[in-house]
Amino acid sequence: MQVAQGGQGDAAPPPGTFTVSGAGWRFSGALTFDDAAEVLDASRAIALPDTGAVDMSGLTHADSAALAVVIALKRRAAAEGRKLAIEGMPPSLHSLALAYGVEDLIA
């Protein structure tokens, strides 16, 4: 399942990134099987957001690997004794979480 598609044929969209935005994080770009490990590795270099908020509204292209990254971030926060709130989850990705039965893990 894809959140959004670019109009550039079969070319994969560039991988997205987490950036610090105020006291939270913001994700922009694609998050798919092709780049999930790279995106997750890069996120480890950033301290978890002070507000605990991760804005996913900039997610432009995703598959179920995006869910795996979100779940990994939530687990990281729990391991660090922190809470993490995922905001702006695209409806199609939320639907995928419902289909897989992991909506409680990303809430």
PDB file of N, CA and C in Angstrom:
ATOM      1  N   MET A   1       0.844  -1.175   0.000  1.00  0.00           N
ATOM      2  CA  MET A   1       0.000   0.000   0.000  1.00  0.00           C
ATOM      3  C   MET A   1       0.880   1.225   0.000  1.00  0.00           C
ATOM      4  N   GLN A   2       0.518   2.201  -0.768  1.00  0.00           N
ATOM      5  CA  GLN A   2       1.293   3.422  -0.862  1.00  0.00           C
ATOM      6  C   GLN A   2       0.476   4.578  -0.323  1.00  0.00           C
ATOM      7  N   VAL A   3       1.173   5.506   0.314  1.00  0.00           N
ATOM      8  CA  VAL A   3       0.519   6.701   0.810  1.00  0.00           C
ATOM      9  C   VAL A   3       0.292   7.668  -0.331  1.00  0.00           C
ATOM     10  N   ALA A   4       1.309   7.891  -1.118  1.00  0.00           N
ATOM     11  CA  ALA A   4       1.200   8.798  -2.258  1.00  0.00           C
ATOM     12  C   ALA A   4       2.210   8.354  -3.294  1.00  0.00           C
ATOM     13  N   GLN A   5       1.939   8.666  -4.517  1.00  0.00           N
ATOM     14  CA  GLN A   5       2.866   8.317  -5.586  1.00  0.00           C
ATOM     15  C   GLN A   5       3.296   9.577  -6.304  1.00  0.00           C
ATOM     16  N   GLY A   6       4.558   9.586  -6.663  1.00  0.00           N
ATOM     17  CA  GLY A   6       5.045  10.664  -7.510  1.00  0.00           C
ATOM     18  C   GLY A   6       4.681  10.344  -8.943  1.00  0.00           C
ATOM     19  N   GLY A   7       4.766  11.284  -9.807  1.00  0.00           N
ATOM     20  CA  GLY A   7       4.407  11.068 -11.195  1.00  0.00           C
ATOM     21  C   GLY A   7       5.596  10.777 -12.076  1.00  0.00           C
ATOM     22  N   GLN A   8       6.657  10.249 -11.519  1.00  0.00           N
ATOM     23  CA  GLN A   8       7.888  10.055 -12.266  1.00  0.00           C
ATOM     24  C   GLN A   8       8.105   8.610 -12.702  1.00  0.00           C
ATOM     25  N   GLY A   9       7.077   7.915 -13.128  1.00  0.00           N
ATOM     26  CA  GLY A   9       7.240   6.547 -13.599  1.00  0.00           C
ATOM     27  C   GLY A   9       7.621   5.609 -12.484  1.00  0.00           C
ATOM     28  N   ASP A  10       8.594   4.737 -12.760  1.00  0.00           N
ATOM     29  CA  ASP A  10       9.008   3.744 -11.784  1.00  0.00           C
ATOM     30  C   ASP A  10      10.140   4.217 -10.882  1.00  0.00           C
ATOM     31  N   ALA A  11      10.603   5.424 -11.034  1.00  0.00           N
ATOM     32  CA  ALA A  11      11.701   5.924 -10.220  1.00  0.00           C
ATOM     33  C   ALA A  11      11.265   6.000  -8.759  1.00  0.00           C
ATOM     34  N   ALA A  12      12.107   5.470  -7.880  1.00  0.00           N
ATOM     35  CA  ALA A  12      11.808   5.515  -6.449  1.00  0.00           C
ATOM     36  C   ALA A  12      11.988   6.940  -5.955  1.00  0.00           C
ATOM     37  N   PRO A  13      11.087   7.384  -5.086  1.00  0.00           N
ATOM     38  CA  PRO A  13      11.252   8.726  -4.524  1.00  0.00           C
ATOM     39  C   PRO A  13      12.462   8.742  -3.596  1.00  0.00           C
ATOM     40  N   PRO A  14      13.076   9.892  -3.405  1.00  0.00           N
ATOM     41  CA  PRO A  14      14.235   9.956  -2.518  1.00  0.00           C
ATOM     42  C   PRO A  14      13.817   9.622  -1.090  1.00  0.00           C
ATOM     43  N   PRO A  15      14.734   9.016  -0.322  1.00  0.00           N
ATOM     44  CA  PRO A  15      14.392   8.659   1.058  1.00  0.00           C
ATOM     45  C   PRO A  15      14.115   9.896   1.888  1.00  0.00           C
ATOM     46  N   GLY A  16      13.233   9.725   2.825  1.00  0.00           N
ATOM     47  CA  GLY A  16      12.887  10.831   3.710  1.00  0.00           C
ATOM     48  C   GLY A  16      13.835  10.918   4.887  1.00  0.00           C
ATOM     49  N   THR A  17      13.613  11.931   5.700  1.00  0.00           N
ATOM     50  CA  THR A  17      14.450  12.147   6.871  1.00  0.00           C
ATOM     51  C   THR A  17      13.622  12.688   8.026  1.00  0.00           C
ATOM     52  N   PHE A  18      14.093  12.388   9.213  1.00  0.00           N
ATOM     53  CA  PHE A  18      13.577  13.024  10.418  1.00  0.00           C
ATOM     54  C   PHE A  18      14.443  14.237  10.678  1.00  0.00           C
ATOM     55  N   THR A  19      13.811  15.358  10.988  1.00  0.00           N
ATOM     56  CA  THR A  19      14.552  16.559  11.359  1.00  0.00           C
ATOM     57  C   THR A  19      13.952  17.113  12.642  1.00  0.00           C
ATOM     58  N   VAL A  20      14.767  17.842  13.374  1.00  0.00           N
ATOM     59  CA  VAL A  20      14.279  18.508  14.574  1.00  0.00           C
ATOM     60  C   VAL A  20      13.499  19.726  14.125  1.00  0.00           C
ATOM     61  N   SER A  21      12.287  19.847  14.651  1.00  0.00           N
ATOM     62  CA  SER A  21      11.414  20.967  14.308  1.00  0.00           C
ATOM     63  C   SER A  21      10.873  21.538  15.614  1.00  0.00           C
ATOM     64  N   GLY A  22      11.447  22.638  16.044  1.00  0.00           N
ATOM     65  CA  GLY A  22      11.077  23.171  17.358  1.00  0.00           C
ATOM     66  C   GLY A  22      11.525  22.184  18.421  1.00  0.00           C
ATOM     67  N   ALA A  23      10.586  21.775  19.279  1.00  0.00           N
ATOM     68  CA  ALA A  23      10.899  20.803  20.325  1.00  0.00           C
ATOM     69  C   ALA A  23      10.492  19.392  19.921  1.00  0.00           C
ATOM     70  N   GLY A  24      10.051  19.217  18.669  1.00  0.00           N
ATOM     71  CA  GLY A  24       9.634  17.908  18.186  1.00  0.00           C
ATOM     72  C   GLY A  24      10.446  17.474  16.985  1.00  0.00           C
ATOM     73  N   TRP A  25       9.984  16.423  16.348  1.00  0.00           N
ATOM     74  CA  TRP A  25      10.578  15.935  15.105  1.00  0.00           C
ATOM     75  C   TRP A  25       9.558  16.077  14.005  1.00  0.00           C
ATOM     76  N   ARG A  26      10.057  16.181  12.778  1.00  0.00           N
ATOM     77  CA  ARG A  26       9.193  16.186  11.599  1.00  0.00           C
ATOM     78  C   ARG A  26       9.810  15.234  10.578  1.00  0.00           C
ATOM     79  N   PHE A  27       8.944  14.424   9.968  1.00  0.00           N
ATOM     80  CA  PHE A  27       9.416  13.548   8.910  1.00  0.00           C
ATOM     81  C   PHE A  27       8.982  14.127   7.580  1.00  0.00           C
ATOM     82  N   SER A  28       9.887  14.106   6.609  1.00  0.00           N
ATOM     83  CA  SER A  28       9.585  14.573   5.259  1.00  0.00           C
ATOM     84  C   SER A  28      10.151  13.587   4.255  1.00  0.00           C
ATOM     85  N   GLY A  29       9.340  13.233   3.251  1.00  0.00           N
ATOM     86  CA  GLY A  29       9.813  12.375   2.178  1.00  0.00           C
ATOM     87  C   GLY A  29       9.222  10.987   2.229  1.00  0.00           C
ATOM     88  N   ALA A  30       9.920  10.059   1.576  1.00  0.00           N
ATOM     89  CA  ALA A  30       9.455   8.678   1.437  1.00  0.00           C
ATOM     90  C   ALA A  30      10.018   7.800   2.545  1.00  0.00           C
ATOM     91  N   LEU A  31       9.263   6.754   2.873  1.00  0.00           N
ATOM     92  CA  LEU A  31       9.708   5.780   3.860  1.00  0.00           C
ATOM     93  C   LEU A  31       9.196   4.414   3.423  1.00  0.00           C
ATOM     94  N   THR A  32      10.070   3.679   2.734  1.00  0.00           N
ATOM     95  CA  THR A  32       9.695   2.392   2.144  1.00  0.00           C
ATOM     96  C   THR A  32      10.742   1.335   2.488  1.00  0.00           C
ATOM     97  N   PHE A  33      10.497   0.107   2.029  1.00  0.00           N
ATOM     98  CA  PHE A  33      11.459  -0.973   2.240  1.00  0.00           C
ATOM     99  C   PHE A  33      12.847  -0.578   1.753  1.00  0.00           C
ATOM    100  N   ASP A  34      12.914   0.175   0.673  1.00  0.00           N
ATOM    101  CA  ASP A  34      14.199   0.546   0.086  1.00  0.00           C
ATOM    102  C   ASP A  34      15.065   1.396   1.004  1.00  0.00           C
ATOM    103  N   ASP A  35      14.435   2.179   1.883  1.00  0.00           N
ATOM    104  CA  ASP A  35      15.214   3.119   2.683  1.00  0.00           C
ATOM    105  C   ASP A  35      14.921   3.078   4.181  1.00  0.00           C
ATOM    106  N   ALA A  36      14.085   2.164   4.643  1.00  0.00           N
ATOM    107  CA  ALA A  36      13.686   2.140   6.055  1.00  0.00           C
ATOM    108  C   ALA A  36      14.879   1.968   6.989  1.00  0.00           C
ATOM    109  N   ALA A  37      15.784   1.052   6.684  1.00  0.00           N
ATOM    110  CA  ALA A  37      16.935   0.828   7.557  1.00  0.00           C
ATOM    111  C   ALA A  37      17.814   2.077   7.638  1.00  0.00           C
ATOM    112  N   GLU A  38      18.022   2.719   6.500  1.00  0.00           N
ATOM    113  CA  GLU A  38      18.835   3.946   6.460  1.00  0.00           C
ATOM    114  C   GLU A  38      18.180   5.066   7.278  1.00  0.00           C
ATOM    115  N   VAL A  39      16.875   5.231   7.115  1.00  0.00           N
ATOM    116  CA  VAL A  39      16.143   6.277   7.841  1.00  0.00           C
ATOM    117  C   VAL A  39      16.189   5.996   9.345  1.00  0.00           C
ATOM    118  N   LEU A  40      15.970   4.741   9.730  1.00  0.00           N
ATOM    119  CA  LEU A  40      15.991   4.392  11.150  1.00  0.00           C
ATOM    120  C   LEU A  40      17.383   4.594  11.735  1.00  0.00           C
ATOM    121  N   ASP A  41      18.418   4.177  11.032  1.00  0.00           N
ATOM    122  CA  ASP A  41      19.792   4.382  11.505  1.00  0.00           C
ATOM    123  C   ASP A  41      20.085   5.862  11.714  1.00  0.00           C
ATOM    124  N   ALA A  42      19.677   6.685  10.765  1.00  0.00           N
ATOM    125  CA  ALA A  42      19.911   8.129  10.878  1.00  0.00           C
ATOM    126  C   ALA A  42      19.166   8.725  12.066  1.00  0.00           C
ATOM    127  N   SER A  43      17.979   8.193  12.373  1.00  0.00           N
ATOM    128  CA  SER A  43      17.191   8.736  13.488  1.00  0.00           C
ATOM    129  C   SER A  43      17.878   8.477  14.828  1.00  0.00           C
ATOM    130  N   ARG A  44      18.690   7.445  14.895  1.00  0.00           N
ATOM    131  CA  ARG A  44      19.378   7.122  16.156  1.00  0.00           C
ATOM    132  C   ARG A  44      20.396   8.185  16.540  1.00  0.00           C
ATOM    133  N   ALA A  45      20.825   8.982  15.586  1.00  0.00           N
ATOM    134  CA  ALA A  45      21.797  10.039  15.860  1.00  0.00           C
ATOM    135  C   ALA A  45      21.150  11.296  16.428  1.00  0.00           C
ATOM    136  N   ILE A  46      19.823  11.302  16.485  1.00  0.00           N
ATOM    137  CA  ILE A  46      19.090  12.473  16.969  1.00  0.00           C
ATOM    138  C   ILE A  46      18.445  12.118  18.308  1.00  0.00           C
ATOM    139  N   ALA A  47      18.609  12.990  19.288  1.00  0.00           N
ATOM    140  CA  ALA A  47      17.939  12.781  20.577  1.00  0.00           C
ATOM    141  C   ALA A  47      16.432  12.803  20.354  1.00  0.00           C
ATOM    142  N   LEU A  48      15.724  11.970  21.106  1.00  0.00           N
ATOM    143  CA  LEU A  48      14.262  11.961  20.990  1.00  0.00           C
ATOM    144  C   LEU A  48      13.729  13.365  21.274  1.00  0.00           C
ATOM    145  N   PRO A  49      12.619  13.717  20.641  1.00  0.00           N
ATOM    146  CA  PRO A  49      12.093  15.069  20.806  1.00  0.00           C
ATOM    147  C   PRO A  49      11.673  15.362  22.245  1.00  0.00           C
ATOM    148  N   ASP A  50      11.949  16.593  22.681  1.00  0.00           N
ATOM    149  CA  ASP A  50      11.583  17.013  24.034  1.00  0.00           C
ATOM    150  C   ASP A  50      10.090  16.904  24.273  1.00  0.00           C
ATOM    151  N   THR A  51       9.303  17.235  23.262  1.00  0.00           N
ATOM    152  CA  THR A  51       7.850  17.199  23.410  1.00  0.00           C
ATOM    153  C   THR A  51       7.297  15.797  23.255  1.00  0.00           C
ATOM    154  N   GLY A  52       8.118  14.906  22.744  1.00  0.00           N
ATOM    155  CA  GLY A  52       7.648  13.552  22.466  1.00  0.00           C
ATOM    156  C   GLY A  52       6.816  13.480  21.204  1.00  0.00           C
ATOM    157  N   ALA A  53       6.755  14.567  20.425  1.00  0.00           N
ATOM    158  CA  ALA A  53       5.916  14.612  19.227  1.00  0.00           C
ATOM    159  C   ALA A  53       6.727  14.382  17.963  1.00  0.00           C
ATOM    160  N   VAL A  54       6.222  13.473  17.129  1.00  0.00           N
ATOM    161  CA  VAL A  54       6.814  13.219  15.819  1.00  0.00           C
ATOM    162  C   VAL A  54       5.715  13.472  14.789  1.00  0.00           C
ATOM    163  N   ASP A  55       5.914  14.492  13.975  1.00  0.00           N
ATOM    164  CA  ASP A  55       4.947  14.874  12.946  1.00  0.00           C
ATOM    165  C   ASP A  55       5.255  14.111  11.665  1.00  0.00           C
ATOM    166  N   MET A  56       4.343  13.225  11.283  1.00  0.00           N
ATOM    167  CA  MET A  56       4.527  12.406  10.076  1.00  0.00           C
ATOM    168  C   MET A  56       3.755  12.962   8.881  1.00  0.00           C
ATOM    169  N   SER A  57       3.222  14.161   8.980  1.00  0.00           N
ATOM    170  CA  SER A  57       2.394  14.704   7.894  1.00  0.00           C
ATOM    171  C   SER A  57       3.183  14.964   6.617  1.00  0.00           C
ATOM    172  N   GLY A  58       4.509  14.993   6.693  1.00  0.00           N
ATOM    173  CA  GLY A  58       5.333  15.195   5.507  1.00  0.00           C
ATOM    174  C   GLY A  58       5.676  13.906   4.775  1.00  0.00           C
ATOM    175  N   LEU A  59       5.105  12.786   5.225  1.00  0.00           N
ATOM    176  CA  LEU A  59       5.342  11.495   4.588  1.00  0.00           C
ATOM    177  C   LEU A  59       4.685  11.489   3.214  1.00  0.00           C
ATOM    178  N   THR A  60       5.490  11.320   2.175  1.00  0.00           N
ATOM    179  CA  THR A  60       4.971  11.424   0.813  1.00  0.00           C
ATOM    180  C   THR A  60       4.762  10.093   0.120  1.00  0.00           C
ATOM    181  N   HIS A  61       5.467   9.061   0.564  1.00  0.00           N
ATOM    182  CA  HIS A  61       5.396   7.749  -0.091  1.00  0.00           C
ATOM    183  C   HIS A  61       5.784   6.724   0.964  1.00  0.00           C
ATOM    184  N   ALA A  62       4.945   5.706   1.167  1.00  0.00           N
ATOM    185  CA  ALA A  62       5.230   4.746   2.231  1.00  0.00           C
ATOM    186  C   ALA A  62       4.666   3.383   1.907  1.00  0.00           C
ATOM    187  N   ASP A  63       5.237   2.387   2.572  1.00  0.00           N
ATOM    188  CA  ASP A  63       4.685   1.039   2.553  1.00  0.00           C
ATOM    189  C   ASP A  63       4.755   0.547   3.999  1.00  0.00           C
ATOM    190  N   SER A  64       4.569  -0.730   4.202  1.00  0.00           N
ATOM    191  CA  SER A  64       4.508  -1.234   5.570  1.00  0.00           C
ATOM    192  C   SER A  64       5.826  -1.063   6.331  1.00  0.00           C
ATOM    193  N   ALA A  65       6.912  -0.843   5.643  1.00  0.00           N
ATOM    194  CA  ALA A  65       8.182  -0.589   6.328  1.00  0.00           C
ATOM    195  C   ALA A  65       8.097   0.688   7.162  1.00  0.00           C
ATOM    196  N   ALA A  66       7.282   1.635   6.745  1.00  0.00           N
ATOM    197  CA  ALA A  66       7.102   2.863   7.522  1.00  0.00           C
ATOM    198  C   ALA A  66       6.513   2.535   8.894  1.00  0.00           C
ATOM    199  N   LEU A  67       5.600   1.572   8.935  1.00  0.00           N
ATOM    200  CA  LEU A  67       5.049   1.141  10.222  1.00  0.00           C
ATOM    201  C   LEU A  67       6.139   0.555  11.103  1.00  0.00           C
ATOM    202  N   ALA A  68       7.013  -0.237  10.520  1.00  0.00           N
ATOM    203  CA  ALA A  68       8.104  -0.840  11.285  1.00  0.00           C
ATOM    204  C   ALA A  68       9.002   0.237  11.888  1.00  0.00           C
ATOM    205  N   VAL A  69       9.274   1.294  11.143  1.00  0.00           N
ATOM    206  CA  VAL A  69      10.107   2.383  11.649  1.00  0.00           C
ATOM    207  C   VAL A  69       9.404   3.096  12.799  1.00  0.00           C
ATOM    208  N   VAL A  70       8.120   3.377  12.646  1.00  0.00           N
ATOM    209  CA  VAL A  70       7.367   4.053  13.706  1.00  0.00           C
ATOM    210  C   VAL A  70       7.361   3.188  14.972  1.00  0.00           C
ATOM    211  N   ILE A  71       7.129   1.888  14.816  1.00  0.00           N
ATOM    212  CA  ILE A  71       7.127   0.988  15.972  1.00  0.00           C
ATOM    213  C   ILE A  71       8.506   0.959  16.630  1.00  0.00           C
ATOM    214  N   ALA A  72       9.566   0.940  15.836  1.00  0.00           N
ATOM    215  CA  ALA A  72      10.927   0.957  16.383  1.00  0.00           C
ATOM    216  C   ALA A  72      11.189   2.240  17.175  1.00  0.00           C
ATOM    217  N   LEU A  73      10.678   3.361  16.679  1.00  0.00           N
ATOM    218  CA  LEU A  73      10.840   4.627  17.412  1.00  0.00           C
ATOM    219  C   LEU A  73      10.092   4.592  18.735  1.00  0.00           C
ATOM    220  N   LYS A  74       8.885   4.031  18.714  1.00  0.00           N
ATOM    221  CA  LYS A  74       8.104   3.920  19.954  1.00  0.00           C
ATOM    222  C   LYS A  74       8.833   3.020  20.958  1.00  0.00           C
ATOM    223  N   ARG A  75       9.423   1.938  20.482  1.00  0.00           N
ATOM    224  CA  ARG A  75      10.176   1.046  21.373  1.00  0.00           C
ATOM    225  C   ARG A  75      11.414   1.741  21.925  1.00  0.00           C
ATOM    226  N   ARG A  76      12.077   2.506  21.092  1.00  0.00           N
ATOM    227  CA  ARG A  76      13.242   3.265  21.565  1.00  0.00           C
ATOM    228  C   ARG A  76      12.824   4.206  22.680  1.00  0.00           C
ATOM    229  N   ALA A  77      11.726   4.919  22.481  1.00  0.00           N
ATOM    230  CA  ALA A  77      11.252   5.855  23.497  1.00  0.00           C
ATOM    231  C   ALA A  77      10.942   5.115  24.801  1.00  0.00           C
ATOM    232  N   ALA A  78      10.269   3.980  24.711  1.00  0.00           N
ATOM    233  CA  ALA A  78       9.949   3.198  25.910  1.00  0.00           C
ATOM    234  C   ALA A  78      11.218   2.750  26.622  1.00  0.00           C
ATOM    235  N   ALA A  79      12.219   2.323  25.856  1.00  0.00           N
ATOM    236  CA  ALA A  79      13.480   1.882  26.445  1.00  0.00           C
ATOM    237  C   ALA A  79      14.195   3.024  27.160  1.00  0.00           C
ATOM    238  N   GLU A  80      13.967   4.260  26.681  1.00  0.00           N
ATOM    239  CA  GLU A  80      14.578   5.435  27.298  1.00  0.00           C
ATOM    240  C   GLU A  80      13.666   6.059  28.351  1.00  0.00           C
ATOM    241  N   GLY A  81      12.544   5.366  28.652  1.00  0.00           N
ATOM    242  CA  GLY A  81      11.610   5.866  29.663  1.00  0.00           C
ATOM    243  C   GLY A  81      10.845   7.094  29.230  1.00  0.00           C
ATOM    244  N   ARG A  82      10.619   7.219  27.930  1.00  0.00           N
ATOM    245  CA  ARG A  82       9.941   8.392  27.376  1.00  0.00           C
ATOM    246  C   ARG A  82       8.683   7.974  26.642  1.00  0.00           C
ATOM    247  N   LYS A  83       7.824   8.918  26.406  1.00  0.00           N
ATOM    248  CA  LYS A  83       6.628   8.712  25.590  1.00  0.00           C
ATOM    249  C   LYS A  83       6.879   9.375  24.239  1.00  0.00           C
ATOM    250  N   LEU A  84       6.281   8.807  23.207  1.00  0.00           N
ATOM    251  CA  LEU A  84       6.416   9.355  21.866  1.00  0.00           C
ATOM    252  C   LEU A  84       5.038   9.387  21.234  1.00  0.00           C
ATOM    253  N   ALA A  85       4.623  10.553  20.791  1.00  0.00           N
ATOM    254  CA  ALA A  85       3.317  10.721  20.148  1.00  0.00           C
ATOM    255  C   ALA A  85       3.522  10.905  18.649  1.00  0.00           C
ATOM    256  N   ILE A  86       2.882  10.048  17.865  1.00  0.00           N
ATOM    257  CA  ILE A  86       2.963  10.151  16.414  1.00  0.00           C
ATOM    258  C   ILE A  86       1.779  10.990  15.955  1.00  0.00           C
ATOM    259  N   GLU A  87       2.073  12.100  15.302  1.00  0.00           N
ATOM    260  CA  GLU A  87       1.042  13.024  14.838  1.00  0.00           C
ATOM    261  C   GLU A  87       1.063  13.092  13.318  1.00  0.00           C
ATOM    262  N   GLY A  88      -0.069  13.431  12.738  1.00  0.00           N
ATOM    263  CA  GLY A  88      -0.141  13.647  11.301  1.00  0.00           C
ATOM    264  C   GLY A  88       0.042  12.389  10.469  1.00  0.00           C
ATOM    265  N   MET A  89      -0.299  11.243  11.029  1.00  0.00           N
ATOM    266  CA  MET A  89      -0.164   9.975  10.294  1.00  0.00           C
ATOM    267  C   MET A  89      -1.109  10.008   9.096  1.00  0.00           C
ATOM    268  N   PRO A  90      -0.602   9.816   7.887  1.00  0.00           N
ATOM    269  CA  PRO A  90      -1.479   9.783   6.716  1.00  0.00           C
ATOM    270  C   PRO A  90      -2.556   8.702   6.883  1.00  0.00           C
ATOM    271  N   PRO A  91      -3.783   8.985   6.480  1.00  0.00           N
ATOM    272  CA  PRO A  91      -4.886   8.028   6.651  1.00  0.00           C
ATOM    273  C   PRO A  91      -4.603   6.654   6.052  1.00  0.00           C
ATOM    274  N   SER A  92      -3.968   6.598   4.912  1.00  0.00           N
ATOM    275  CA  SER A  92      -3.710   5.291   4.301  1.00  0.00           C
ATOM    276  C   SER A  92      -2.709   4.473   5.120  1.00  0.00           C
ATOM    277  N   LEU A  93      -1.750   5.127   5.767  1.00  0.00           N
ATOM    278  CA  LEU A  93      -0.813   4.404   6.608  1.00  0.00           C
ATOM    279  C   LEU A  93      -1.505   3.944   7.889  1.00  0.00           C
ATOM    280  N   HIS A  94      -2.396   4.762   8.402  1.00  0.00           N
ATOM    281  CA  HIS A  94      -3.176   4.360   9.571  1.00  0.00           C
ATOM    282  C   HIS A  94      -4.059   3.163   9.227  1.00  0.00           C
ATOM    283  N   SER A  95      -4.647   3.164   8.049  1.00  0.00           N
ATOM    284  CA  SER A  95      -5.454   2.022   7.607  1.00  0.00           C
ATOM    285  C   SER A  95      -4.616   0.760   7.516  1.00  0.00           C
ATOM    286  N   LEU A  96      -3.395   0.891   7.058  1.00  0.00           N
ATOM    287  CA  LEU A  96      -2.495  -0.249   6.989  1.00  0.00           C
ATOM    288  C   LEU A  96      -2.198  -0.780   8.393  1.00  0.00           C
ATOM    289  N   ALA A  97      -2.005   0.117   9.346  1.00  0.00           N
ATOM    290  CA  ALA A  97      -1.780  -0.288  10.734  1.00  0.00           C
ATOM    291  C   ALA A  97      -2.989  -1.045  11.276  1.00  0.00           C
ATOM    292  N   LEU A  98      -4.179  -0.591  10.927  1.00  0.00           N
ATOM    293  CA  LEU A  98      -5.396  -1.297  11.345  1.00  0.00           C
ATOM    294  C   LEU A  98      -5.448  -2.691  10.732  1.00  0.00           C
ATOM    295  N   ALA A  99      -5.121  -2.791   9.451  1.00  0.00           N
ATOM    296  CA  ALA A  99      -5.151  -4.081   8.761  1.00  0.00           C
ATOM    297  C   ALA A  99      -4.156  -5.070   9.364  1.00  0.00           C
ATOM    298  N   TYR A 100      -2.992  -4.579   9.789  1.00  0.00           N
ATOM    299  CA  TYR A 100      -1.980  -5.434  10.388  1.00  0.00           C
ATOM    300  C   TYR A 100      -2.214  -5.667  11.881  1.00  0.00           C
ATOM    301  N   GLY A 101      -3.153  -4.918  12.462  1.00  0.00           N
ATOM    302  CA  GLY A 101      -3.431  -5.070  13.887  1.00  0.00           C
ATOM    303  C   GLY A 101      -2.388  -4.454  14.785  1.00  0.00           C
ATOM    304  N   VAL A 102      -1.704  -3.409  14.318  1.00  0.00           N
ATOM    305  CA  VAL A 102      -0.654  -2.771  15.115  1.00  0.00           C
ATOM    306  C   VAL A 102      -0.994  -1.335  15.498  1.00  0.00           C
ATOM    307  N   GLU A 103      -2.268  -0.966  15.339  1.00  0.00           N
ATOM    308  CA  GLU A 103      -2.642   0.423  15.629  1.00  0.00           C
ATOM    309  C   GLU A 103      -2.335   0.814  17.078  1.00  0.00           C
ATOM    310  N   ASP A 104      -2.439  -0.138  18.020  1.00  0.00           N
ATOM    311  CA  ASP A 104      -2.120   0.174  19.413  1.00  0.00           C
ATOM    312  C   ASP A 104      -0.626   0.459  19.607  1.00  0.00           C
ATOM    313  N   LEU A 105       0.198  -0.129  18.764  1.00  0.00           N
ATOM    314  CA  LEU A 105       1.646   0.083  18.877  1.00  0.00           C
ATOM    315  C   LEU A 105       2.065   1.448  18.369  1.00  0.00           C
ATOM    316  N   ILE A 106       1.281   2.050  17.504  1.00  0.00           N
ATOM    317  CA  ILE A 106       1.653   3.362  16.961  1.00  0.00           C
ATOM    318  C   ILE A 106       0.855   4.506  17.567  1.00  0.00           C
ATOM    319  N   ALA A 107      -0.107   4.181  18.413  1.00  0.00           N
ATOM    320  CA  ALA A 107      -0.960   5.217  19.019  1.00  0.00           C
ATOM    321  C   ALA A 107      -0.193   6.037  20.014  1.00  0.00           C
TER     322      ALA A 107
END
